[in-house]
PDB file of N, CA and C in Angstrom:
ATOM      1  N   UNK A   1      -8.759 -11.815 225.158  1.00  0.00           N
ATOM      2  CA  UNK A   1      -7.665 -11.872 224.215  1.00  0.00           C
ATOM      3  C   UNK A   1      -8.106 -12.411 222.851  1.00  0.00           C
ATOM      4  N   UNK A   2      -9.334 -12.859 222.771  1.00  0.00           N
ATOM      5  CA  UNK A   2      -9.828 -13.428 221.521  1.00  0.00           C
ATOM      6  C   UNK A   2     -10.494 -12.377 220.641  1.00  0.00           C
ATOM      7  N   UNK A   3     -10.491 -11.107 221.079  1.00  0.00           N
ATOM      8  CA  UNK A   3     -11.160 -10.052 220.331  1.00  0.00           C
ATOM      9  C   UNK A   3     -10.575  -9.852 218.932  1.00  0.00           C
ATOM     10  N   UNK A   4      -9.260  -9.787 218.742  1.00  0.00           N
ATOM     11  CA  UNK A   4      -8.734  -9.645 217.380  1.00  0.00           C
ATOM     12  C   UNK A   4      -9.101 -10.827 216.480  1.00  0.00           C
ATOM     13  N   UNK A   5      -9.135 -12.020 217.058  1.00  0.00           N
ATOM     14  CA  UNK A   5      -9.508 -13.195 216.282  1.00  0.00           C
ATOM     15  C   UNK A   5     -10.957 -13.094 215.819  1.00  0.00           C
ATOM     16  N   UNK A   6     -11.855 -12.677 216.714  1.00  0.00           N
ATOM     17  CA  UNK A   6     -13.266 -12.550 216.361  1.00  0.00           C
ATOM     18  C   UNK A   6     -13.484 -11.431 215.340  1.00  0.00           C
ATOM     19  N   UNK A   7     -12.756 -10.323 215.490  1.00  0.00           N
ATOM     20  CA  UNK A   7     -12.880  -9.230 214.529  1.00  0.00           C
ATOM     21  C   UNK A   7     -12.399  -9.675 213.150  1.00  0.00           C
ATOM     22  N   UNK A   8     -11.295 -10.402 213.085  1.00  0.00           N
ATOM     23  CA  UNK A   8     -10.785 -10.916 211.818  1.00  0.00           C
ATOM     24  C   UNK A   8     -11.738 -11.909 211.187  1.00  0.00           C
ATOM     25  N   UNK A   9     -12.371 -12.704 212.009  1.00  0.00           N
ATOM     26  CA  UNK A   9     -13.338 -13.682 211.514  1.00  0.00           C
ATOM     27  C   UNK A   9     -14.544 -12.969 210.908  1.00  0.00           C
ATOM     28  N   UNK A  10     -15.018 -11.912 211.561  1.00  0.00           N
ATOM     29  CA  UNK A  10     -16.169 -11.163 211.053  1.00  0.00           C
ATOM     30  C   UNK A  10     -15.823 -10.462 209.739  1.00  0.00           C
ATOM     31  N   UNK A  11     -14.654  -9.839 209.665  1.00  0.00           N
ATOM     32  CA  UNK A  11     -14.234  -9.148 208.440  1.00  0.00           C
ATOM     33  C   UNK A  11     -14.045 -10.150 207.304  1.00  0.00           C
ATOM     34  N   UNK A  12     -13.468 -11.282 207.603  1.00  0.00           N
ATOM     35  CA  UNK A  12     -13.293 -12.319 206.586  1.00  0.00           C
ATOM     36  C   UNK A  12     -14.621 -12.844 206.081  1.00  0.00           C
ATOM     37  N   UNK A  13     -15.564 -13.029 206.983  1.00  0.00           N
ATOM     38  CA  UNK A  13     -16.888 -13.499 206.587  1.00  0.00           C
ATOM     39  C   UNK A  13     -17.597 -12.491 205.697  1.00  0.00           C
ATOM     40  N   UNK A  14     -17.470 -11.225 206.027  1.00  0.00           N
ATOM     41  CA  UNK A  14     -18.070 -10.184 205.197  1.00  0.00           C
ATOM     42  C   UNK A  14     -17.417 -10.136 203.819  1.00  0.00           C
ATOM     43  N   UNK A  15     -16.118 -10.342 203.755  1.00  0.00           N
ATOM     44  CA  UNK A  15     -15.436 -10.330 202.464  1.00  0.00           C
ATOM     45  C   UNK A  15     -15.910 -11.488 201.586  1.00  0.00           C
ATOM     46  N   UNK A  16     -16.059 -12.658 202.162  1.00  0.00           N
ATOM     47  CA  UNK A  16     -16.534 -13.818 201.407  1.00  0.00           C
ATOM     48  C   UNK A  16     -17.959 -13.580 200.917  1.00  0.00           C
ATOM     49  N   UNK A  17     -18.813 -13.031 201.774  1.00  0.00           N
ATOM     50  CA  UNK A  17     -20.198 -12.724 201.388  1.00  0.00           C
ATOM     51  C   UNK A  17     -20.224 -11.713 200.246  1.00  0.00           C
ATOM     52  N   UNK A  18     -19.377 -10.697 200.337  1.00  0.00           N
ATOM     53  CA  UNK A  18     -19.329  -9.670 199.289  1.00  0.00           C
ATOM     54  C   UNK A  18     -18.874 -10.268 197.962  1.00  0.00           C
ATOM     55  N   UNK A  19     -17.911 -11.147 197.990  1.00  0.00           N
ATOM     56  CA  UNK A  19     -17.426 -11.754 196.750  1.00  0.00           C
ATOM     57  C   UNK A  19     -18.477 -12.683 196.126  1.00  0.00           C
ATOM     58  N   UNK A  20     -19.225 -13.368 196.957  1.00  0.00           N
ATOM     59  CA  UNK A  20     -20.234 -14.291 196.437  1.00  0.00           C
ATOM     60  C   UNK A  20     -21.454 -13.556 195.882  1.00  0.00           C
ATOM     61  N   UNK A  21     -21.760 -12.393 196.392  1.00  0.00           N
ATOM     62  CA  UNK A  21     -22.951 -11.652 195.979  1.00  0.00           C
ATOM     63  C   UNK A  21     -22.575 -10.325 195.324  1.00  0.00           C
ATOM     64  N   UNK A  22     -21.581 -10.368 194.482  1.00  0.00           N
ATOM     65  CA  UNK A  22     -21.075  -9.148 193.842  1.00  0.00           C
ATOM     66  C   UNK A  22     -22.144  -8.439 193.015  1.00  0.00           C
ATOM     67  N   UNK A  23     -22.868  -9.177 192.197  1.00  0.00           N
ATOM     68  CA  UNK A  23     -23.843  -8.551 191.299  1.00  0.00           C
ATOM     69  C   UNK A  23     -25.007  -7.934 192.082  1.00  0.00           C
ATOM     70  N   UNK A  24     -25.456  -8.619 193.121  1.00  0.00           N
ATOM     71  CA  UNK A  24     -26.549  -8.090 193.931  1.00  0.00           C
ATOM     72  C   UNK A  24     -26.107  -6.824 194.671  1.00  0.00           C
ATOM     73  N   UNK A  25     -24.915  -6.833 195.218  1.00  0.00           N
ATOM     74  CA  UNK A  25     -24.405  -5.650 195.912  1.00  0.00           C
ATOM     75  C   UNK A  25     -24.214  -4.484 194.944  1.00  0.00           C
ATOM     76  N   UNK A  26     -23.799  -4.796 193.729  1.00  0.00           N
ATOM     77  CA  UNK A  26     -23.613  -3.749 192.717  1.00  0.00           C
ATOM     78  C   UNK A  26     -24.948  -3.100 192.368  1.00  0.00           C
ATOM     79  N   UNK A  27     -26.008  -3.905 192.220  1.00  0.00           N
ATOM     80  CA  UNK A  27     -27.343  -3.367 191.929  1.00  0.00           C
ATOM     81  C   UNK A  27     -27.833  -2.473 193.068  1.00  0.00           C
ATOM     82  N   UNK A  28     -27.645  -2.935 194.296  1.00  0.00           N
ATOM     83  CA  UNK A  28     -28.095  -2.156 195.449  1.00  0.00           C
ATOM     84  C   UNK A  28     -27.316  -0.847 195.559  1.00  0.00           C
ATOM     85  N   UNK A  29     -26.023  -0.898 195.279  1.00  0.00           N
ATOM     86  CA  UNK A  29     -25.209   0.313 195.343  1.00  0.00           C
ATOM     87  C   UNK A  29     -25.617   1.302 194.265  1.00  0.00           C
ATOM     88  N   UNK A  30     -25.896   0.816 193.065  1.00  0.00           N
ATOM     89  CA  UNK A  30     -26.308   1.728 191.999  1.00  0.00           C
ATOM     90  C   UNK A  30     -27.666   2.357 192.306  1.00  0.00           C
ATOM     91  N   UNK A  31     -28.596   1.566 192.885  1.00  0.00           N
ATOM     92  CA  UNK A  31     -29.885   2.119 193.302  1.00  0.00           C
ATOM     93  C   UNK A  31     -29.709   3.170 194.396  1.00  0.00           C
ATOM     94  N   UNK A  32     -28.790   2.902 195.307  1.00  0.00           N
ATOM     95  CA  UNK A  32     -28.522   3.845 196.387  1.00  0.00           C
ATOM     96  C   UNK A  32     -27.964   5.159 195.838  1.00  0.00           C
ATOM     97  N   UNK A  33     -27.029   5.071 194.897  1.00  0.00           N
ATOM     98  CA  UNK A  33     -26.451   6.270 194.301  1.00  0.00           C
ATOM     99  C   UNK A  33     -27.495   7.037 193.490  1.00  0.00           C
ATOM    100  N   UNK A  34     -28.369   6.316 192.812  1.00  0.00           N
ATOM    101  CA  UNK A  34     -29.421   6.962 192.027  1.00  0.00           C
ATOM    102  C   UNK A  34     -30.369   7.731 192.948  1.00  0.00           C
ATOM    103  N   UNK A  35     -30.763   7.109 194.045  1.00  0.00           N
ATOM    104  CA  UNK A  35     -31.635   7.765 195.020  1.00  0.00           C
ATOM    105  C   UNK A  35     -30.951   8.983 195.622  1.00  0.00           C
ATOM    106  N   UNK A  36     -29.676   8.863 195.932  1.00  0.00           N
ATOM    107  CA  UNK A  36     -28.920   9.986 196.484  1.00  0.00           C
ATOM    108  C   UNK A  36     -28.818  11.131 195.503  1.00  0.00           C
ATOM    109  N   UNK A  37     -28.610  10.813 194.240  1.00  0.00           N
ATOM    110  CA  UNK A  37     -28.501  11.850 193.214  1.00  0.00           C
ATOM    111  C   UNK A  37     -29.824  12.590 193.069  1.00  0.00           C
ATOM    112  N   UNK A  38     -30.935  11.855 193.082  1.00  0.00           N
ATOM    113  CA  UNK A  38     -32.252  12.488 192.998  1.00  0.00           C
ATOM    114  C   UNK A  38     -32.496  13.403 194.195  1.00  0.00           C
ATOM    115  N   UNK A  39     -32.081  12.974 195.377  1.00  0.00           N
ATOM    116  CA  UNK A  39     -32.261  13.786 196.579  1.00  0.00           C
ATOM    117  C   UNK A  39     -31.442  15.069 196.497  1.00  0.00           C
ATOM    118  N   UNK A  40     -30.219  14.963 196.004  1.00  0.00           N
ATOM    119  CA  UNK A  40     -29.360  16.142 195.864  1.00  0.00           C
ATOM    120  C   UNK A  40     -29.959  17.126 194.869  1.00  0.00           C
ATOM    121  N   UNK A  41     -30.463  16.638 193.754  1.00  0.00           N
ATOM    122  CA  UNK A  41     -31.078  17.521 192.760  1.00  0.00           C
ATOM    123  C   UNK A  41     -32.329  18.195 193.325  1.00  0.00           C
ATOM    124  N   UNK A  42     -33.118  17.458 194.076  1.00  0.00           N
ATOM    125  CA  UNK A  42     -34.325  18.020 194.684  1.00  0.00           C
ATOM    126  C   UNK A  42     -33.972  19.116 195.684  1.00  0.00           C
ATOM    127  N   UNK A  43     -33.001  18.856 196.523  1.00  0.00           N
ATOM    128  CA  UNK A  43     -32.589  19.835 197.523  1.00  0.00           C
ATOM    129  C   UNK A  43     -31.995  21.068 196.863  1.00  0.00           C
ATOM    130  N   UNK A  44     -31.185  20.878 195.829  1.00  0.00           N
ATOM    131  CA  UNK A  44     -30.572  22.037 195.170  1.00  0.00           C
ATOM    132  C   UNK A  44     -31.625  22.883 194.457  1.00  0.00           C
ATOM    133  N   UNK A  45     -32.637  22.255 193.857  1.00  0.00           N
ATOM    134  CA  UNK A  45     -33.686  23.045 193.200  1.00  0.00           C
ATOM    135  C   UNK A  45     -34.493  23.830 194.230  1.00  0.00           C
ATOM    136  N   UNK A  46     -34.774  23.230 195.381  1.00  0.00           N
ATOM    137  CA  UNK A  46     -35.485  23.944 196.439  1.00  0.00           C
ATOM    138  C   UNK A  46     -34.654  25.112 196.962  1.00  0.00           C
ATOM    139  N   UNK A  47     -33.356  24.914 197.059  1.00  0.00           N
ATOM    140  CA  UNK A  47     -32.471  25.972 197.542  1.00  0.00           C
ATOM    141  C   UNK A  47     -32.434  27.129 196.557  1.00  0.00           C
ATOM    142  N   UNK A  48     -32.380  26.820 195.284  1.00  0.00           N
ATOM    143  CA  UNK A  48     -32.350  27.863 194.254  1.00  0.00           C
ATOM    144  C   UNK A  48     -33.657  28.653 194.275  1.00  0.00           C
ATOM    145  N   UNK A  49     -34.791  27.964 194.402  1.00  0.00           N
ATOM    146  CA  UNK A  49     -36.092  28.645 194.467  1.00  0.00           C
ATOM    147  C   UNK A  49     -36.156  29.570 195.676  1.00  0.00           C
ATOM    148  N   UNK A  50     -35.695  29.094 196.810  1.00  0.00           N
ATOM    149  CA  UNK A  50     -35.714  29.906 198.027  1.00  0.00           C
ATOM    150  C   UNK A  50     -34.804  31.116 197.884  1.00  0.00           C
ATOM    151  N   UNK A  51     -33.667  30.925 197.269  1.00  0.00           N
ATOM    152  CA  UNK A  51     -32.719  32.015 197.060  1.00  0.00           C
ATOM    153  C   UNK A  51     -33.318  33.085 196.147  1.00  0.00           C
ATOM    154  N   UNK A  52     -33.971  32.666 195.084  1.00  0.00           N
ATOM    155  CA  UNK A  52     -34.613  33.620 194.166  1.00  0.00           C
ATOM    156  C   UNK A  52     -35.736  34.367 194.859  1.00  0.00           C
ATOM    157  N   UNK A  53     -36.522  33.662 195.656  1.00  0.00           N
ATOM    158  CA  UNK A  53     -37.626  34.283 196.368  1.00  0.00           C
ATOM    159  C   UNK A  53     -37.100  35.298 197.384  1.00  0.00           C
ATOM    160  N   UNK A  54     -35.986  34.990 198.016  1.00  0.00           N
ATOM    161  CA  UNK A  54     -35.406  35.909 198.992  1.00  0.00           C
ATOM    162  C   UNK A  54     -34.881  37.168 198.311  1.00  0.00           C
ATOM    163  N   UNK A  55     -34.331  37.031 197.120  1.00  0.00           N
ATOM    164  CA  UNK A  55     -33.841  38.194 196.386  1.00  0.00           C
ATOM    165  C   UNK A  55     -34.997  39.053 195.880  1.00  0.00           C
ATOM    166  N   UNK A  56     -36.121  38.438 195.566  1.00  0.00           N
ATOM    167  CA  UNK A  56     -37.253  39.164 195.004  1.00  0.00           C
ATOM    168  C   UNK A  56     -37.961  40.022 196.056  1.00  0.00           C
ATOM    169  N   UNK A  57     -37.995  39.569 197.287  1.00  0.00           N
ATOM    170  CA  UNK A  57     -38.670  40.344 198.327  1.00  0.00           C
ATOM    171  C   UNK A  57     -37.666  41.275 198.983  1.00  0.00           C
ATOM    172  N   UNK A  58     -38.002  42.571 199.121  1.00  0.00           N
ATOM    173  CA  UNK A  58     -37.071  43.504 199.750  1.00  0.00           C
ATOM    174  C   UNK A  58     -36.968  43.231 201.247  1.00  0.00           C
ATOM    175  N   UNK A  59     -35.781  43.421 201.744  1.00  0.00           N
ATOM    176  CA  UNK A  59     -35.553  43.185 203.164  1.00  0.00           C
ATOM    177  C   UNK A  59     -36.046  44.376 203.972  1.00  0.00           C
ATOM    178  N   UNK A  60     -36.713  44.110 205.058  1.00  0.00           N
ATOM    179  CA  UNK A  60     -37.194  45.173 205.920  1.00  0.00           C
ATOM    180  C   UNK A  60     -36.098  45.534 206.910  1.00  0.00           C
ATOM    181  N   UNK A  61     -35.900  46.836 207.089  1.00  0.00           N
ATOM    182  CA  UNK A  61     -34.910  47.290 208.058  1.00  0.00           C
ATOM    183  C   UNK A  61     -35.541  47.212 209.446  1.00  0.00           C
ATOM    184  N   UNK A  62     -34.787  46.765 210.407  1.00  0.00           N
ATOM    185  CA  UNK A  62     -35.351  46.698 211.760  1.00  0.00           C
ATOM    186  C   UNK A  62     -35.543  48.105 212.317  1.00  0.00           C
ATOM    187  N   UNK A  63     -36.661  48.334 212.939  1.00  0.00           N
ATOM    188  CA  UNK A  63     -36.933  49.638 213.527  1.00  0.00           C
ATOM    189  C   UNK A  63     -36.621  49.588 215.007  1.00  0.00           C
ATOM    190  N   UNK A  64     -36.025  50.663 215.486  1.00  0.00           N
ATOM    191  CA  UNK A  64     -35.692  50.739 216.899  1.00  0.00           C
ATOM    192  C   UNK A  64     -36.910  51.258 217.652  1.00  0.00           C
ATOM    193  N   UNK A  65     -37.231  50.666 218.757  1.00  0.00           N
ATOM    194  CA  UNK A  65     -38.369  51.167 219.522  1.00  0.00           C
ATOM    195  C   UNK A  65     -38.016  52.514 220.158  1.00  0.00           C
ATOM    196  N   UNK A  66     -38.985  53.408 220.171  1.00  0.00           N
ATOM    197  CA  UNK A  66     -38.754  54.715 220.773  1.00  0.00           C
ATOM    198  C   UNK A  66     -38.899  54.583 222.278  1.00  0.00           C
ATOM    199  N   UNK A  67     -37.893  55.065 222.974  1.00  0.00           N
ATOM    200  CA  UNK A  67     -37.921  54.998 224.433  1.00  0.00           C
ATOM    201  C   UNK A  67     -37.807  56.404 224.999  1.00  0.00           C
ATOM    202  N   UNK A  68     -38.288  56.558 226.193  1.00  0.00           N
ATOM    203  CA  UNK A  68     -38.164  57.843 226.869  1.00  0.00           C
ATOM    204  C   UNK A  68     -36.982  57.779 227.821  1.00  0.00           C
ATOM    205  N   UNK A  69     -36.384  58.926 228.079  1.00  0.00           N
ATOM    206  CA  UNK A  69     -35.236  58.976 228.978  1.00  0.00           C
ATOM    207  C   UNK A  69     -35.702  58.731 230.406  1.00  0.00           C
ATOM    208  N   UNK A  70     -34.961  57.920 231.126  1.00  0.00           N
ATOM    209  CA  UNK A  70     -35.296  57.631 232.511  1.00  0.00           C
ATOM    210  C   UNK A  70     -34.700  58.715 233.401  1.00  0.00           C
ATOM    211  N   UNK A  71     -35.428  59.191 234.399  1.00  0.00           N
ATOM    212  CA  UNK A  71     -34.870  60.199 235.297  1.00  0.00           C
ATOM    213  C   UNK A  71     -33.799  59.569 236.173  1.00  0.00           C
ATOM    214  N   UNK A  72     -32.740  60.339 236.396  1.00  0.00           N
ATOM    215  CA  UNK A  72     -31.640  59.834 237.211  1.00  0.00           C
ATOM    216  C   UNK A  72     -31.826  60.258 238.658  1.00  0.00           C
ATOM    217  N   UNK A  73     -31.386  59.416 239.545  1.00  0.00           N
ATOM    218  CA  UNK A  73     -31.446  59.738 240.964  1.00  0.00           C
ATOM    219  C   UNK A  73     -30.307  60.700 241.297  1.00  0.00           C
ATOM    220  N   UNK A  74     -30.539  61.583 242.268  1.00  0.00           N
ATOM    221  CA  UNK A  74     -29.513  62.572 242.630  1.00  0.00           C
ATOM    222  C   UNK A  74     -28.369  61.930 243.388  1.00  0.00           C
ATOM    223  N   UNK A  75     -28.658  61.099 244.352  1.00  0.00           N
ATOM    224  CA  UNK A  75     -27.606  60.460 245.144  1.00  0.00           C
ATOM    225  C   UNK A  75     -27.515  58.991 244.766  1.00  0.00           C
ATOM    226  N   UNK A  76     -26.491  58.672 244.037  1.00  0.00           N
ATOM    227  CA  UNK A  76     -26.309  57.271 243.653  1.00  0.00           C
ATOM    228  C   UNK A  76     -25.262  56.669 244.565  1.00  0.00           C
ATOM    229  N   UNK A  77     -25.580  55.530 245.134  1.00  0.00           N
ATOM    230  CA  UNK A  77     -24.628  54.813 245.986  1.00  0.00           C
ATOM    231  C   UNK A  77     -24.364  53.463 245.362  1.00  0.00           C
ATOM    232  N   UNK A  78     -23.213  52.960 245.652  1.00  0.00           N
ATOM    233  CA  UNK A  78     -22.867  51.675 245.078  1.00  0.00           C
ATOM    234  C   UNK A  78     -23.425  50.529 245.884  1.00  0.00           C
ATOM    235  N   UNK A  79     -24.024  50.807 247.032  1.00  0.00           N
ATOM    236  CA  UNK A  79     -24.617  49.744 247.828  1.00  0.00           C
ATOM    237  C   UNK A  79     -23.649  49.142 248.815  1.00  0.00           C
ATOM    238  N   UNK A  80     -22.433  49.669 248.919  1.00  0.00           N
ATOM    239  CA  UNK A  80     -21.448  49.163 249.857  1.00  0.00           C
ATOM    240  C   UNK A  80     -21.324  50.143 251.014  1.00  0.00           C
ATOM    241  N   UNK A  81     -21.160  49.598 252.199  1.00  0.00           N
ATOM    242  CA  UNK A  81     -20.991  50.454 253.384  1.00  0.00           C
ATOM    243  C   UNK A  81     -19.561  50.966 253.418  1.00  0.00           C
ATOM    244  N   UNK A  82     -19.423  52.227 253.841  1.00  0.00           N
ATOM    245  CA  UNK A  82     -18.071  52.808 253.928  1.00  0.00           C
ATOM    246  C   UNK A  82     -17.569  52.804 255.340  1.00  0.00           C
TER     247      UNK A  82
END
């Protein structure tokens, strides 16, 4: 029955820590966003390059393998006794 009390205590402790270290958390968050932005730009440039390369090379049509007709049996049974 003490679970809500412990959860409230943990959330309250985190709030106090966040308020005391506001400037440090702000620096870390801005660094995180900067890193994320660089990653997004890198991924988008790679995607654009791949897209251009795919458009430049013509697509090959799949070829169907040539098969010969199989001879059919004269008496076909379903395998069930009558």
